[in-house]
C-alpha atoms as a PDB file:
ATOM      1  CA  MET A   1     -54.958  -4.320 100.607  1.00  0.00           C
ATOM      2  CA  GLY A   2     -55.424  -6.478  97.535  1.00  0.00           C
ATOM      3  CA  ALA A   3     -56.642  -9.999  97.082  1.00  0.00           C
ATOM      4  CA  LYS A   4     -54.660 -12.776  98.692  1.00  0.00           C
ATOM      5  CA  ILE A   5     -53.594 -15.389  96.139  1.00  0.00           C
ATOM      6  CA  SER A   6     -51.552 -18.528  96.626  1.00  0.00           C
ATOM      7  CA  ILE A   7     -49.207 -19.592  93.812  1.00  0.00           C
ATOM      8  CA  SER A   8     -46.740 -22.416  93.226  1.00  0.00           C
ATOM      9  CA  LEU A   9     -43.271 -21.621  91.925  1.00  0.00           C
ATOM     10  CA  THR A  10     -40.492 -23.776  90.630  1.00  0.00           C
ATOM     11  CA  GLU A  11     -37.521 -23.991  92.973  1.00  0.00           C
ATOM     12  CA  GLU A  12     -35.573 -21.768  90.589  1.00  0.00           C
ATOM     13  CA  HIS A  13     -38.269 -19.075  90.581  1.00  0.00           C
ATOM     14  CA  ALA A  14     -38.586 -19.252  94.376  1.00  0.00           C
ATOM     15  CA  ARG A  15     -34.808 -18.822  94.665  1.00  0.00           C
ATOM     16  CA  LEU A  16     -34.893 -15.797  92.351  1.00  0.00           C
ATOM     17  CA  LEU A  17     -37.764 -14.301  94.336  1.00  0.00           C
ATOM     18  CA  ASN A  18     -35.931 -14.780  97.629  1.00  0.00           C
ATOM     19  CA  GLU A  19     -32.703 -13.363  96.176  1.00  0.00           C
ATOM     20  CA  ALA A  20     -34.535 -10.251  94.985  1.00  0.00           C
ATOM     21  CA  VAL A  21     -35.867  -9.624  98.494  1.00  0.00           C
ATOM     22  CA  ALA A  22     -32.559 -10.515 100.184  1.00  0.00           C
ATOM     23  CA  SER A  23     -30.701  -8.057  97.943  1.00  0.00           C
ATOM     24  CA  GLY A  24     -32.700  -5.233  99.495  1.00  0.00           C
ATOM     25  CA  ASP A  25     -34.076  -4.153  96.125  1.00  0.00           C
ATOM     26  CA  TYR A  26     -37.563  -5.182  97.271  1.00  0.00           C
ATOM     27  CA  ALA A  27     -39.230  -5.046 100.659  1.00  0.00           C
ATOM     28  CA  SER A  28     -41.226  -8.243 100.147  1.00  0.00           C
ATOM     29  CA  SER A  29     -41.926 -11.081  97.751  1.00  0.00           C
ATOM     30  CA  SER A  30     -45.285  -9.430  97.020  1.00  0.00           C
ATOM     31  CA  GLU A  31     -43.456  -6.337  95.790  1.00  0.00           C
ATOM     32  CA  VAL A  32     -41.366  -8.484  93.414  1.00  0.00           C
ATOM     33  CA  ILE A  33     -44.487 -10.159  92.026  1.00  0.00           C
ATOM     34  CA  ARG A  34     -46.318  -6.831  91.613  1.00  0.00           C
ATOM     35  CA  GLU A  35     -43.412  -5.398  89.615  1.00  0.00           C
ATOM     36  CA  ALA A  36     -43.207  -8.554  87.498  1.00  0.00           C
ATOM     37  CA  LEU A  37     -46.927  -8.268  86.721  1.00  0.00           C
ATOM     38  CA  ARG A  38     -46.571  -4.574  85.802  1.00  0.00           C
ATOM     39  CA  ASP A  39     -43.687  -5.479  83.464  1.00  0.00           C
ATOM     40  CA  TRP A  40     -45.727  -8.311  81.952  1.00  0.00           C
ATOM     41  CA  ARG A  41     -48.692  -5.996  81.357  1.00  0.00           C
ATOM     42  CA  SER A  42     -46.425  -3.416  79.688  1.00  0.00           C
ATOM     43  CA  LYS A  43     -44.925  -6.104  77.455  1.00  0.00           C
ATOM     44  CA  GLN A  44     -48.390  -7.285  76.440  1.00  0.00           C
ATOM     45  CA  LEU A  45     -49.467  -3.718  75.578  1.00  0.00           C
ATOM     46  CA  LEU A  46     -46.281  -3.070  73.616  1.00  0.00           C
ATOM     47  CA  GLY A  47     -46.847  -6.285  71.673  1.00  0.00           C
ATOM     48  CA  ARG A  48     -50.405  -5.278  70.786  1.00  0.00           C
ATOM     49  CA  LEU A  49     -49.270  -1.813  69.707  1.00  0.00           C
ATOM     50  CA  TRP A  50     -46.496  -3.347  67.608  1.00  0.00           C
ATOM     51  CA  ASP A  51     -48.983  -5.675  65.917  1.00  0.00           C
ATOM     52  CA  GLU A  52     -51.354  -2.768  65.232  1.00  0.00           C
ATOM     53  CA  GLY A  53     -48.524  -0.753  63.739  1.00  0.00           C
ATOM     54  CA  ILE A  54     -47.481  -3.588  61.455  1.00  0.00           C
ATOM     55  CA  ALA A  55     -51.103  -4.216  60.432  1.00  0.00           C
ATOM     56  CA  SER A  56     -51.601  -0.537  59.563  1.00  0.00           C
ATOM     57  CA  GLY A  57     -49.240  -0.862  56.600  1.00  0.00           C
ATOM     58  CA  ARG A  58     -46.261   1.072  55.429  1.00  0.00           C
ATOM     59  CA  ALA A  59     -45.689   4.619  56.563  1.00  0.00           C
ATOM     60  CA  ASP A  60     -45.840   7.452  54.088  1.00  0.00           C
ATOM     61  CA  GLU A  61     -42.235   7.527  52.927  1.00  0.00           C
ATOM     62  CA  ARG A  62     -42.514  11.227  52.142  1.00  0.00           C
ATOM     63  CA  GLU A  63     -42.890  11.961  55.853  1.00  0.00           C
ATOM     64  CA  THR A  64     -39.782  12.901  57.743  1.00  0.00           C
ATOM     65  CA  ILE A  65     -39.233  12.392  61.454  1.00  0.00           C
ATOM     66  CA  GLU A  66     -39.862  16.125  61.890  1.00  0.00           C
ATOM     67  CA  ASP A  67     -43.253  15.767  60.162  1.00  0.00           C
ATOM     68  CA  ILE A  68     -44.128  12.928  62.537  1.00  0.00           C
ATOM     69  CA  LYS A  69     -43.024  14.941  65.590  1.00  0.00           C
ATOM     70  CA  GLN A  70     -45.100  17.944  64.501  1.00  0.00           C
ATOM     71  CA  ALA A  71     -48.170  15.757  63.965  1.00  0.00           C
ATOM     72  CA  ALA A  72     -47.685  14.234  67.417  1.00  0.00           C
ATOM     73  CA  ARG A  73     -47.392  17.684  68.999  1.00  0.00           C
ATOM     74  CA  ARG A  74     -50.580  18.818  67.233  1.00  0.00           C
ATOM     75  CA  HIS A  75     -52.377  15.701  68.412  1.00  0.00           C
ATOM     76  CA  GLN A  76     -51.113  16.208  71.983  1.00  0.00           C
ATOM     77  CA  SER A  77     -52.157  19.856  72.136  1.00  0.00           C
ATOM     78  CA  ALA A  78     -55.607  18.998  70.696  1.00  0.00           C
ATOM     79  CA  GLY A  79     -56.252  16.358  73.341  1.00  0.00           C
END
């Protein structure tokens, strides 16, 4: 079992949380919050990766999508 944390929600957020549980999509409000946190973490990671990609500069325009796929396969098989 994880840490027990108390949070305050707006009435709108509390309603959404209760609706999610009442719909049967989630077994508990904790499950809703855990999924929301996982989604938030994924969004944060995607944002960082996006920023790193932009900061790395333009791609080699001579590369085709097939070249990129082959490089990714080589990298995957090496690791």
